[in-house]
Amino acid sequence: MSKKLGFTLTELIIALVILVILALVAIPVYRGYVKKGIATEGKALLGEINAAQQIYYSRHGKYYAGTAGQQMGASFGVDARRNKYFTSYYVTTSGDTFDAVTSSKEGHQLTLKGYATTTPQIIDNTPVD
């Protein structure tokens, strides 16, 4: 009696269906982790901007305002060139408050609202897909 080697068509289809189900679950989870990673980079940049703003305010009595694309001068010192997603930002001021906005290449936008008297807030303006 000869023994046949290999898989039946039914076994292959079942294995394929299981792989498709796993992929349908895994891909959205992976995308969620990627979005969180991108947002973490933006929040780190905004934290650096906040620290620099507090130092600038203590030295000059006002917040720094301006566009700070790829690099900054010695007066502010936050350089976004090392980032992968958030490589530029701009800062606007109004009295004892400032807004720092940074956008990623993938469409994420984060805003830091800084205040002289209260804790700054990070607002995620990223469009929902």
Protein backbone atom coordinates (compact mmCIF):
# COMPACT_ATOMS: atom_id res chain seq x y z
CA MET A 1 0.00 0.00 0.00
CA SER A 2 1.44 3.42 -0.93
CA LYS A 3 1.13 6.35 1.45
CA LYS A 4 0.38 9.72 -0.14
CA LEU A 5 2.44 12.70 1.03
CA GLY A 6 1.19 16.28 1.12
CA PHE A 7 -1.90 18.21 2.11
CA THR A 8 -5.44 17.95 0.85
CA LEU A 9 -7.13 20.93 -0.75
CA THR A 10 -9.43 21.26 2.26
CA GLU A 11 -6.51 21.47 4.67
CA LEU A 12 -4.85 24.18 2.56
CA ILE A 13 -8.05 26.24 2.36
CA ILE A 14 -8.58 26.00 6.12
CA ALA A 15 -4.99 27.13 6.74
CA LEU A 16 -5.45 30.03 4.31
CA VAL A 17 -8.69 31.13 6.00
CA ILE A 18 -6.98 31.10 9.40
CA LEU A 19 -4.12 33.24 8.04
CA VAL A 20 -6.56 35.75 6.54
CA ILE A 21 -8.46 36.05 9.84
CA LEU A 22 -5.19 36.62 11.73
CA ALA A 23 -4.14 39.27 9.21
CA LEU A 24 -7.49 41.06 9.50
CA VAL A 25 -6.97 41.32 13.25
CA ALA A 26 -3.24 42.10 13.24
CA ILE A 27 -3.11 44.88 10.63
CA PRO A 28 -5.39 47.37 12.48
CA VAL A 29 -3.56 46.67 15.74
CA TYR A 30 -0.21 47.34 14.04
CA ARG A 31 -1.48 50.60 12.54
CA GLY A 32 -2.65 51.69 15.99
CA TYR A 33 0.83 51.11 17.41
CA VAL A 34 2.38 53.09 14.56
CA LYS A 35 0.02 56.04 15.19
CA LYS A 36 0.85 55.99 18.90
CA GLY A 37 4.56 56.00 18.08
CA ILE A 38 4.17 58.97 15.76
CA ALA A 39 2.16 60.87 18.37
CA THR A 40 4.79 60.11 21.02
CA GLU A 41 7.47 61.73 18.87
CA GLY A 42 5.33 64.85 18.44
CA LYS A 43 4.61 65.05 22.17
CA ALA A 44 8.32 64.74 22.93
CA LEU A 45 9.06 67.64 20.56
CA LEU A 46 6.35 69.76 22.19
CA GLY A 47 7.78 68.94 25.63
CA GLU A 48 11.16 70.16 24.45
CA ILE A 49 9.58 73.33 23.07
CA ASN A 50 7.79 73.90 26.39
CA ALA A 51 11.04 73.60 28.35
CA ALA A 52 12.79 75.98 25.95
CA GLN A 53 9.89 78.44 26.20
CA GLN A 54 10.11 78.49 29.99
CA ILE A 55 13.85 79.18 29.84
CA TYR A 56 13.33 81.86 27.17
CA TYR A 57 10.57 83.46 29.27
CA SER A 58 12.74 83.56 32.39
CA ARG A 59 15.57 85.24 30.45
CA HIS A 60 13.60 87.67 28.28
CA GLY A 61 10.30 88.22 30.13
CA LYS A 62 8.30 87.04 27.11
CA TYR A 63 7.79 83.89 25.09
CA TYR A 64 9.59 83.19 21.83
CA ALA A 65 7.46 83.46 18.69
CA GLY A 66 8.37 82.50 15.16
CA THR A 67 8.65 79.83 12.57
CA ALA A 68 11.19 77.22 13.43
CA GLY A 69 11.46 74.81 10.59
CA GLN A 70 14.56 72.73 10.32
CA GLN A 71 16.74 74.51 12.85
CA MET A 72 16.77 77.20 15.48
CA GLY A 73 19.20 79.86 16.48
CA ALA A 74 20.98 79.92 19.81
CA SER A 75 18.26 82.08 21.36
CA PHE A 76 15.72 79.23 21.44
CA GLY A 77 17.64 76.03 20.81
CA VAL A 78 15.03 73.46 19.72
CA ASP A 79 16.10 71.62 16.59
CA ALA A 80 13.54 69.26 15.02
CA ARG A 81 15.81 67.87 12.30
CA ARG A 82 16.57 64.67 14.22
CA ASN A 83 12.89 63.67 14.23
CA LYS A 84 11.52 61.22 11.71
CA TYR A 85 7.92 62.49 11.50
CA PHE A 86 7.72 65.92 13.14
CA THR A 87 10.51 67.95 11.53
CA SER A 88 9.16 71.49 11.86
CA TYR A 89 7.00 73.66 14.10
CA TYR A 90 5.92 77.23 14.61
CA VAL A 91 5.22 79.24 17.74
CA THR A 92 2.79 82.14 18.23
CA THR A 93 2.41 84.23 21.37
CA SER A 94 -0.22 86.39 22.96
CA GLY A 95 0.73 88.03 26.24
CA ASP A 96 1.58 85.35 28.79
CA THR A 97 0.52 82.45 26.55
CA PHE A 98 1.99 80.69 23.56
CA ASP A 99 0.86 78.10 21.02
CA ALA A 100 3.37 75.72 19.45
CA VAL A 101 2.06 73.74 16.48
CA THR A 102 3.83 70.84 14.81
CA SER A 103 2.62 68.69 11.92
CA SER A 104 3.95 65.38 10.69
CA LYS A 105 4.41 64.20 7.14
CA GLU A 106 1.59 61.69 7.74
CA GLY A 107 -0.99 64.35 8.63
CA HIS A 108 -0.77 64.32 12.43
CA GLN A 109 -1.04 67.76 13.98
CA LEU A 110 -0.35 68.54 17.64
CA THR A 111 -0.71 71.87 19.42
CA LEU A 112 0.86 72.86 22.72
CA LYS A 113 -0.97 75.62 24.56
CA GLY A 114 1.46 77.09 27.09
CA TYR A 115 0.62 79.44 29.94
CA ALA A 116 2.79 81.40 32.33
CA THR A 117 0.66 80.45 35.34
CA THR A 118 -0.80 76.99 34.62
CA THR A 119 0.26 73.64 33.23
CA PRO A 120 0.52 73.53 29.41
CA GLN A 121 -1.92 71.40 27.41
CA ILE A 122 -1.28 69.27 24.34
CA ILE A 123 -4.17 69.12 21.88
CA ASP A 124 -4.27 66.48 19.14
CA ASN A 125 -5.71 68.03 15.97
CA THR A 126 -5.12 64.93 13.85
CA PRO A 127 -8.00 64.20 11.48
CA VAL A 128 -9.72 60.91 12.25
CA ASP A 129 -9.65 58.39 9.39
